[in-house]
Amino acid sequence: MAECINCEEDYNDKRLALGYQTCLDCGESEAQGIIAARTHAKLCEMTPYVSGSLTQPDALFEQRPDGHEGYKRQLEPSSNKVFVVGE
């Protein structure tokens, strides 16, 4: 039987033949730590930085190149119908 380098418990020789030097429990805890670190790194990459136009996102939509006002333009109501379920 092989001996784990972390907890000094015995584990299967077949696992040692595969190249693992830790038991299943220690190997899983190491793997969970690696997963957490990689996930954190990826989330940091995906987080946008607050700079320039992102500090005032409404300013992006106030004026459009074609001369129309953006989202502030009032839409005219097409009708005053009220829809009732079952009719």
N, C-alpha and C. Protein backbone atom coordinates (compact mmCIF):
# COMPACT_ATOMS: atom_id res chain seq x y z
N MET A 1 0.84 -1.19 0.00
CA MET A 1 0.00 0.00 0.00
C MET A 1 0.88 1.25 0.00
N ALA A 2 0.43 2.24 -0.75
CA ALA A 2 1.14 3.51 -0.83
C ALA A 2 0.69 4.43 0.31
N GLU A 3 1.52 5.41 0.62
CA GLU A 3 1.20 6.32 1.73
C GLU A 3 0.98 7.73 1.20
N CYS A 4 -0.12 8.35 1.63
CA CYS A 4 -0.48 9.71 1.21
C CYS A 4 0.57 10.70 1.73
N ILE A 5 0.96 11.65 0.88
CA ILE A 5 1.97 12.63 1.29
C ILE A 5 1.40 13.71 2.20
N ASN A 6 0.06 13.83 2.25
CA ASN A 6 -0.57 14.85 3.10
C ASN A 6 -0.95 14.31 4.47
N CYS A 7 -1.71 13.23 4.49
CA CYS A 7 -2.26 12.73 5.76
C CYS A 7 -1.59 11.44 6.23
N GLU A 8 -0.68 10.90 5.45
CA GLU A 8 0.07 9.68 5.76
C GLU A 8 -0.81 8.45 5.93
N GLU A 9 -2.00 8.47 5.33
CA GLU A 9 -2.87 7.30 5.32
C GLU A 9 -2.48 6.41 4.14
N ASP A 10 -2.78 5.13 4.26
CA ASP A 10 -2.52 4.22 3.16
C ASP A 10 -3.62 4.31 2.11
N TYR A 11 -3.22 4.18 0.83
CA TYR A 11 -4.19 4.15 -0.25
C TYR A 11 -3.73 3.12 -1.28
N ASN A 12 -4.57 2.83 -2.24
CA ASN A 12 -4.36 1.76 -3.19
C ASN A 12 -3.12 2.01 -4.07
N ASP A 13 -2.34 0.95 -4.32
CA ASP A 13 -1.16 1.05 -5.17
C ASP A 13 -1.51 1.39 -6.62
N LYS A 14 -2.70 1.02 -7.04
CA LYS A 14 -3.12 1.33 -8.41
C LYS A 14 -3.23 2.85 -8.60
N ARG A 15 -3.62 3.53 -7.56
CA ARG A 15 -3.69 5.00 -7.63
C ARG A 15 -2.29 5.58 -7.75
N LEU A 16 -1.33 5.01 -7.04
CA LEU A 16 0.05 5.45 -7.14
C LEU A 16 0.60 5.18 -8.55
N ALA A 17 0.21 4.06 -9.13
CA ALA A 17 0.66 3.72 -10.49
C ALA A 17 0.12 4.73 -11.51
N LEU A 18 -1.03 5.34 -11.23
CA LEU A 18 -1.58 6.37 -12.11
C LEU A 18 -0.88 7.72 -11.92
N GLY A 19 -0.04 7.85 -10.91
CA GLY A 19 0.70 9.08 -10.70
C GLY A 19 0.21 9.93 -9.55
N TYR A 20 -0.82 9.48 -8.86
CA TYR A 20 -1.36 10.25 -7.72
C TYR A 20 -0.56 9.93 -6.47
N GLN A 21 -0.16 10.95 -5.73
CA GLN A 21 0.60 10.74 -4.50
C GLN A 21 -0.23 11.03 -3.26
N THR A 22 -1.54 11.20 -3.45
CA THR A 22 -2.44 11.48 -2.33
C THR A 22 -3.58 10.49 -2.33
N CYS A 23 -4.22 10.34 -1.17
CA CYS A 23 -5.40 9.48 -1.08
C CYS A 23 -6.58 10.21 -1.72
N LEU A 24 -7.71 9.54 -1.84
CA LEU A 24 -8.88 10.13 -2.49
C LEU A 24 -9.38 11.37 -1.76
N ASP A 25 -9.40 11.33 -0.44
CA ASP A 25 -9.91 12.47 0.34
C ASP A 25 -9.02 13.70 0.16
N CYS A 26 -7.71 13.52 0.28
CA CYS A 26 -6.79 14.66 0.13
C CYS A 26 -6.78 15.14 -1.32
N GLY A 27 -6.86 14.22 -2.26
CA GLY A 27 -6.89 14.60 -3.67
C GLY A 27 -8.12 15.40 -4.01
N GLU A 28 -9.26 15.02 -3.43
CA GLU A 28 -10.49 15.77 -3.70
C GLU A 28 -10.43 17.17 -3.10
N SER A 29 -9.89 17.29 -1.89
CA SER A 29 -9.80 18.62 -1.29
C SER A 29 -8.86 19.52 -2.08
N GLU A 30 -7.77 18.96 -2.61
CA GLU A 30 -6.87 19.75 -3.46
C GLU A 30 -7.58 20.16 -4.75
N ALA A 31 -8.33 19.23 -5.33
CA ALA A 31 -9.06 19.52 -6.57
C ALA A 31 -10.09 20.61 -6.35
N GLN A 32 -10.79 20.59 -5.22
CA GLN A 32 -11.78 21.62 -4.93
C GLN A 32 -11.12 22.98 -4.79
N GLY A 33 -9.92 23.03 -4.20
CA GLY A 33 -9.18 24.28 -4.09
C GLY A 33 -8.77 24.82 -5.46
N ILE A 34 -8.34 23.93 -6.35
CA ILE A 34 -7.96 24.34 -7.70
C ILE A 34 -9.18 24.84 -8.47
N ILE A 35 -10.30 24.14 -8.33
CA ILE A 35 -11.54 24.56 -9.00
C ILE A 35 -11.97 25.95 -8.52
N ALA A 36 -11.90 26.17 -7.21
CA ALA A 36 -12.31 27.47 -6.67
C ALA A 36 -11.39 28.59 -7.18
N ALA A 37 -10.09 28.32 -7.25
CA ALA A 37 -9.15 29.33 -7.73
C ALA A 37 -9.39 29.65 -9.21
N ARG A 38 -9.62 28.63 -10.02
CA ARG A 38 -9.88 28.86 -11.44
C ARG A 38 -11.19 29.59 -11.66
N THR A 39 -12.22 29.24 -10.90
CA THR A 39 -13.50 29.92 -11.02
C THR A 39 -13.36 31.39 -10.64
N HIS A 40 -12.64 31.65 -9.56
CA HIS A 40 -12.42 33.04 -9.14
C HIS A 40 -11.69 33.82 -10.22
N ALA A 41 -10.66 33.21 -10.81
CA ALA A 41 -9.90 33.89 -11.85
C ALA A 41 -10.78 34.20 -13.06
N LYS A 42 -11.62 33.25 -13.47
CA LYS A 42 -12.50 33.46 -14.61
C LYS A 42 -13.53 34.55 -14.32
N LEU A 43 -14.08 34.56 -13.11
CA LEU A 43 -15.05 35.59 -12.76
C LEU A 43 -14.39 36.97 -12.73
N CYS A 44 -13.14 37.04 -12.31
CA CYS A 44 -12.43 38.32 -12.33
C CYS A 44 -12.22 38.79 -13.76
N GLU A 45 -11.97 37.86 -14.69
CA GLU A 45 -11.79 38.23 -16.09
C GLU A 45 -13.09 38.75 -16.69
N MET A 46 -14.22 38.19 -16.28
CA MET A 46 -15.51 38.55 -16.87
C MET A 46 -16.11 39.81 -16.27
N THR A 47 -15.64 40.26 -15.11
CA THR A 47 -16.19 41.43 -14.46
C THR A 47 -15.76 42.68 -15.21
N PRO A 48 -16.72 43.51 -15.66
CA PRO A 48 -16.34 44.72 -16.40
C PRO A 48 -15.75 45.77 -15.46
N TYR A 49 -14.84 46.55 -15.99
CA TYR A 49 -14.27 47.64 -15.23
C TYR A 49 -15.16 48.87 -15.39
N VAL A 50 -15.30 49.63 -14.34
CA VAL A 50 -16.11 50.84 -14.38
C VAL A 50 -15.20 51.98 -14.82
N SER A 51 -15.35 52.35 -16.09
CA SER A 51 -14.54 53.44 -16.62
C SER A 51 -15.25 54.06 -17.81
N GLY A 52 -14.93 55.29 -18.08
CA GLY A 52 -15.46 55.96 -19.26
C GLY A 52 -16.97 55.98 -19.30
N SER A 53 -17.53 55.44 -20.37
CA SER A 53 -18.98 55.50 -20.57
C SER A 53 -19.74 54.58 -19.63
N LEU A 54 -19.05 53.63 -19.01
CA LEU A 54 -19.75 52.73 -18.10
C LEU A 54 -20.12 53.41 -16.79
N THR A 55 -19.47 54.54 -16.47
CA THR A 55 -19.83 55.23 -15.23
C THR A 55 -21.17 55.93 -15.36
N GLN A 56 -21.56 56.26 -16.62
CA GLN A 56 -22.86 56.88 -16.88
C GLN A 56 -23.50 56.17 -18.07
N PRO A 57 -24.04 54.96 -17.85
CA PRO A 57 -24.57 54.20 -18.98
C PRO A 57 -25.76 54.87 -19.65
N ASP A 58 -26.51 55.72 -18.95
CA ASP A 58 -27.65 56.38 -19.57
C ASP A 58 -27.20 57.36 -20.65
N ALA A 59 -26.00 57.89 -20.52
CA ALA A 59 -25.50 58.84 -21.51
C ALA A 59 -25.28 58.17 -22.86
N LEU A 60 -25.12 56.87 -22.87
CA LEU A 60 -24.93 56.15 -24.13
C LEU A 60 -26.17 56.21 -25.00
N PHE A 61 -27.35 56.32 -24.39
CA PHE A 61 -28.60 56.21 -25.12
C PHE A 61 -29.36 57.53 -25.23
N GLU A 62 -28.79 58.63 -24.76
CA GLU A 62 -29.51 59.89 -24.80
C GLU A 62 -29.64 60.44 -26.22
N GLN A 63 -28.56 60.45 -26.99
CA GLN A 63 -28.60 60.95 -28.36
C GLN A 63 -28.10 59.87 -29.30
N ARG A 64 -28.81 59.69 -30.38
CA ARG A 64 -28.40 58.71 -31.38
C ARG A 64 -27.95 59.46 -32.63
N PRO A 65 -27.08 58.84 -33.44
CA PRO A 65 -26.55 59.52 -34.62
C PRO A 65 -27.61 59.97 -35.63
N ASP A 66 -28.75 59.29 -35.70
CA ASP A 66 -29.77 59.65 -36.68
C ASP A 66 -30.64 60.81 -36.23
N GLY A 67 -30.35 61.40 -35.07
CA GLY A 67 -31.08 62.57 -34.62
C GLY A 67 -32.23 62.26 -33.69
N HIS A 68 -32.62 61.00 -33.57
CA HIS A 68 -33.71 60.65 -32.67
C HIS A 68 -33.20 60.61 -31.24
N GLU A 69 -34.07 60.97 -30.35
CA GLU A 69 -33.71 60.79 -28.95
C GLU A 69 -33.87 59.33 -28.61
N GLY A 70 -33.08 58.88 -27.69
CA GLY A 70 -33.06 57.46 -27.35
C GLY A 70 -34.27 57.00 -26.58
N TYR A 71 -34.04 56.33 -25.50
CA TYR A 71 -35.12 55.72 -24.74
C TYR A 71 -36.06 56.74 -24.11
N LYS A 72 -35.64 58.01 -24.06
CA LYS A 72 -36.48 59.02 -23.43
C LYS A 72 -37.64 59.45 -24.31
N ARG A 73 -37.59 59.04 -25.60
CA ARG A 73 -38.67 59.40 -26.52
C ARG A 73 -39.97 58.75 -26.04
N GLN A 74 -41.00 59.52 -26.00
CA GLN A 74 -42.29 59.01 -25.54
C GLN A 74 -43.00 58.29 -26.68
N LEU A 75 -43.44 57.11 -26.43
CA LEU A 75 -44.21 56.37 -27.42
C LEU A 75 -45.67 56.77 -27.32
N GLU A 76 -46.30 56.89 -28.45
CA GLU A 76 -47.70 57.28 -28.46
C GLU A 76 -48.56 56.04 -28.27
N PRO A 77 -49.56 56.11 -27.40
CA PRO A 77 -50.41 54.93 -27.20
C PRO A 77 -51.21 54.63 -28.46
N SER A 78 -51.25 53.36 -28.84
CA SER A 78 -51.97 52.98 -30.05
C SER A 78 -53.47 52.90 -29.80
N SER A 79 -53.86 52.47 -28.63
CA SER A 79 -55.28 52.41 -28.30
C SER A 79 -55.42 52.27 -26.79
N ASN A 80 -56.63 52.44 -26.34
CA ASN A 80 -56.90 52.32 -24.91
C ASN A 80 -57.68 51.06 -24.60
N LYS A 81 -57.47 50.00 -25.38
CA LYS A 81 -58.19 48.75 -25.13
C LYS A 81 -57.71 48.07 -23.88
N VAL A 82 -58.64 47.45 -23.21
CA VAL A 82 -58.30 46.64 -22.05
C VAL A 82 -58.65 45.21 -22.40
N PHE A 83 -57.69 44.33 -22.25
CA PHE A 83 -57.91 42.93 -22.58
C PHE A 83 -58.29 42.17 -21.32
N VAL A 84 -59.37 41.41 -21.43
CA VAL A 84 -59.88 40.61 -20.32
C VAL A 84 -59.73 39.15 -20.71
N VAL A 85 -59.22 38.37 -19.80
CA VAL A 85 -59.01 36.96 -20.06
C VAL A 85 -60.37 36.26 -20.21
N GLY A 86 -60.50 35.46 -21.23
CA GLY A 86 -61.74 34.70 -21.43
C GLY A 86 -62.63 35.30 -22.50
N GLU A 87 -62.33 36.45 -23.03
CA GLU A 87 -63.15 37.04 -24.07
C GLU A 87 -62.66 36.62 -25.43
